[in-house]
């Protein structure tokens, strides 16, 4: 049986790998959720992969792994993206939403 704990370990490992990439693409979208007091919640999506520049580590041309992770949040605050990207030092490709500026502070 697959447990929530084992899925969480997979998610955390993928998140670690994602933060090591050169480029992360991100976007957020509102989400209606039952029993959330009619407030807006958001699904944040973070993607890395073959559209990113290749890694030339150790003289090899390594293609970045395709990783897509979702992060459910009850807000659209810039702190959400800042928390998710803690430790990331690459390029963040986003739309014009000002909340992403928090990730560079």
C-alpha atoms as a PDB file:
ATOM      1  CA  UNK A   1       0.000   0.000   0.000  1.00  0.00           C
ATOM      2  CA  UNK A   2       1.226   3.501  -0.835  1.00  0.00           C
ATOM      3  CA  UNK A   3       1.000   5.821   2.153  1.00  0.00           C
ATOM      4  CA  UNK A   4       0.871   9.576   2.403  1.00  0.00           C
ATOM      5  CA  UNK A   5       4.253   9.486   4.129  1.00  0.00           C
ATOM      6  CA  UNK A   6       5.902   7.659   1.226  1.00  0.00           C
ATOM      7  CA  UNK A   7       4.341  10.055  -1.293  1.00  0.00           C
ATOM      8  CA  UNK A   8       5.562  12.988   0.777  1.00  0.00           C
ATOM      9  CA  UNK A   9       9.124  11.606   0.635  1.00  0.00           C
ATOM     10  CA  UNK A  10       8.883  11.390  -3.174  1.00  0.00           C
ATOM     11  CA  UNK A  11       7.527  14.942  -3.353  1.00  0.00           C
ATOM     12  CA  UNK A  12      10.293  16.289  -1.096  1.00  0.00           C
ATOM     13  CA  UNK A  13      13.003  14.541  -3.150  1.00  0.00           C
ATOM     14  CA  UNK A  14      11.587  15.941  -6.397  1.00  0.00           C
ATOM     15  CA  UNK A  15      11.450  19.379  -4.771  1.00  0.00           C
ATOM     16  CA  UNK A  16      15.139  19.091  -3.797  1.00  0.00           C
ATOM     17  CA  UNK A  17      16.055  18.116  -7.370  1.00  0.00           C
ATOM     18  CA  UNK A  18      13.977  20.969  -8.755  1.00  0.00           C
ATOM     19  CA  UNK A  19      15.762  23.553  -6.606  1.00  0.00           C
ATOM     20  CA  UNK A  20      19.096  22.398  -8.079  1.00  0.00           C
ATOM     21  CA  UNK A  21      18.030  23.270 -11.645  1.00  0.00           C
ATOM     22  CA  UNK A  22      19.116  26.357 -13.581  1.00  0.00           C
ATOM     23  CA  UNK A  23      15.562  27.450 -14.490  1.00  0.00           C
ATOM     24  CA  UNK A  24      12.191  27.010 -12.811  1.00  0.00           C
ATOM     25  CA  UNK A  25       8.946  28.103 -14.466  1.00  0.00           C
ATOM     26  CA  UNK A  26       6.151  29.059 -12.085  1.00  0.00           C
ATOM     27  CA  UNK A  27       2.520  30.108 -12.200  1.00  0.00           C
ATOM     28  CA  UNK A  28      -0.437  30.254  -9.849  1.00  0.00           C
ATOM     29  CA  UNK A  29      -4.149  29.916 -10.456  1.00  0.00           C
ATOM     30  CA  UNK A  30      -7.191  30.468  -8.232  1.00  0.00           C
ATOM     31  CA  UNK A  31      -8.988  27.387  -7.026  1.00  0.00           C
ATOM     32  CA  UNK A  32     -12.456  27.002  -5.564  1.00  0.00           C
ATOM     33  CA  UNK A  33     -12.425  24.661  -2.602  1.00  0.00           C
ATOM     34  CA  UNK A  34     -15.431  23.359  -0.701  1.00  0.00           C
ATOM     35  CA  UNK A  35     -15.465  24.344   2.980  1.00  0.00           C
ATOM     36  CA  UNK A  36     -12.828  27.072   2.697  1.00  0.00           C
ATOM     37  CA  UNK A  37     -15.100  29.932   3.864  1.00  0.00           C
ATOM     38  CA  UNK A  38     -15.603  31.150   0.264  1.00  0.00           C
ATOM     39  CA  UNK A  39     -12.121  32.630   0.115  1.00  0.00           C
ATOM     40  CA  UNK A  40      -9.866  32.045  -2.854  1.00  0.00           C
ATOM     41  CA  UNK A  41      -7.194  29.418  -2.593  1.00  0.00           C
ATOM     42  CA  UNK A  42      -4.394  28.952  -5.093  1.00  0.00           C
ATOM     43  CA  UNK A  43      -2.598  26.118  -6.775  1.00  0.00           C
ATOM     44  CA  UNK A  44       0.988  27.105  -7.494  1.00  0.00           C
ATOM     45  CA  UNK A  45       2.787  25.054 -10.140  1.00  0.00           C
ATOM     46  CA  UNK A  46       6.566  24.830 -10.528  1.00  0.00           C
ATOM     47  CA  UNK A  47       8.104  23.191 -13.606  1.00  0.00           C
ATOM     48  CA  UNK A  48      11.591  22.305 -14.748  1.00  0.00           C
ATOM     49  CA  UNK A  49      12.651  20.282 -17.710  1.00  0.00           C
ATOM     50  CA  UNK A  50      13.757  19.935 -21.273  1.00  0.00           C
ATOM     51  CA  UNK A  51      13.015  23.561 -22.170  1.00  0.00           C
ATOM     52  CA  UNK A  52      15.661  24.614 -19.628  1.00  0.00           C
ATOM     53  CA  UNK A  53      19.291  25.067 -20.644  1.00  0.00           C
ATOM     54  CA  UNK A  54      21.334  21.856 -20.428  1.00  0.00           C
ATOM     55  CA  UNK A  55      23.752  21.306 -17.580  1.00  0.00           C
ATOM     56  CA  UNK A  56      27.365  21.020 -18.747  1.00  0.00           C
ATOM     57  CA  UNK A  57      28.627  19.552 -15.470  1.00  0.00           C
ATOM     58  CA  UNK A  58      31.708  17.358 -15.671  1.00  0.00           C
ATOM     59  CA  UNK A  59      31.994  17.917 -19.416  1.00  0.00           C
ATOM     60  CA  UNK A  60      28.730  16.096 -20.142  1.00  0.00           C
ATOM     61  CA  UNK A  61      25.603  17.501 -21.710  1.00  0.00           C
ATOM     62  CA  UNK A  62      22.939  16.598 -19.143  1.00  0.00           C
ATOM     63  CA  UNK A  63      19.306  17.341 -19.904  1.00  0.00           C
ATOM     64  CA  UNK A  64      17.410  18.694 -16.882  1.00  0.00           C
ATOM     65  CA  UNK A  65      14.774  16.336 -15.487  1.00  0.00           C
ATOM     66  CA  UNK A  66      11.122  17.034 -16.258  1.00  0.00           C
ATOM     67  CA  UNK A  67       9.627  17.840 -12.856  1.00  0.00           C
ATOM     68  CA  UNK A  68       6.209  19.393 -12.296  1.00  0.00           C
ATOM     69  CA  UNK A  69       5.147  19.991  -8.697  1.00  0.00           C
ATOM     70  CA  UNK A  70       1.988  21.562  -7.317  1.00  0.00           C
ATOM     71  CA  UNK A  71       1.822  23.567  -4.109  1.00  0.00           C
ATOM     72  CA  UNK A  72      -1.637  24.242  -2.651  1.00  0.00           C
ATOM     73  CA  UNK A  73      -1.840  27.505  -0.693  1.00  0.00           C
ATOM     74  CA  UNK A  74      -4.702  29.512   0.800  1.00  0.00           C
ATOM     75  CA  UNK A  75      -3.176  32.765  -0.428  1.00  0.00           C
ATOM     76  CA  UNK A  76      -1.495  34.452  -3.373  1.00  0.00           C
ATOM     77  CA  UNK A  77       1.082  36.250  -1.224  1.00  0.00           C
ATOM     78  CA  UNK A  78       4.637  36.429  -2.455  1.00  0.00           C
ATOM     79  CA  UNK A  79       5.690  34.627   0.719  1.00  0.00           C
ATOM     80  CA  UNK A  80       4.272  31.394  -0.761  1.00  0.00           C
ATOM     81  CA  UNK A  81       6.730  31.412  -3.653  1.00  0.00           C
ATOM     82  CA  UNK A  82       9.548  32.631  -1.420  1.00  0.00           C
ATOM     83  CA  UNK A  83       9.034  29.695   0.949  1.00  0.00           C
ATOM     84  CA  UNK A  84       8.833  27.167  -1.877  1.00  0.00           C
ATOM     85  CA  UNK A  85      11.980  28.452  -3.589  1.00  0.00           C
ATOM     86  CA  UNK A  86      14.106  28.740  -0.439  1.00  0.00           C
ATOM     87  CA  UNK A  87      17.639  27.763  -1.443  1.00  0.00           C
ATOM     88  CA  UNK A  88      17.069  28.212  -5.187  1.00  0.00           C
ATOM     89  CA  UNK A  89      19.715  30.325  -6.947  1.00  0.00           C
ATOM     90  CA  UNK A  90      18.794  29.963 -10.617  1.00  0.00           C
ATOM     91  CA  UNK A  91      16.429  31.787 -12.936  1.00  0.00           C
ATOM     92  CA  UNK A  92      12.700  32.002 -12.246  1.00  0.00           C
ATOM     93  CA  UNK A  93      10.483  32.430 -15.312  1.00  0.00           C
ATOM     94  CA  UNK A  94       7.048  33.852 -14.459  1.00  0.00           C
ATOM     95  CA  UNK A  95       4.287  36.124 -15.699  1.00  0.00           C
ATOM     96  CA  UNK A  96       4.010  39.727 -14.537  1.00  0.00           C
ATOM     97  CA  UNK A  97       2.452  39.056 -11.126  1.00  0.00           C
ATOM     98  CA  UNK A  98       4.299  41.225  -8.593  1.00  0.00           C
ATOM     99  CA  UNK A  99       4.172  38.538  -5.881  1.00  0.00           C
ATOM    100  CA  UNK A 100       7.072  36.743  -7.550  1.00  0.00           C
ATOM    101  CA  UNK A 101       9.352  39.654  -6.652  1.00  0.00           C
ATOM    102  CA  UNK A 102       9.372  38.348  -3.070  1.00  0.00           C
ATOM    103  CA  UNK A 103      11.419  35.345  -4.207  1.00  0.00           C
ATOM    104  CA  UNK A 104      14.344  37.594  -5.114  1.00  0.00           C
ATOM    105  CA  UNK A 105      14.412  39.485  -1.814  1.00  0.00           C
END
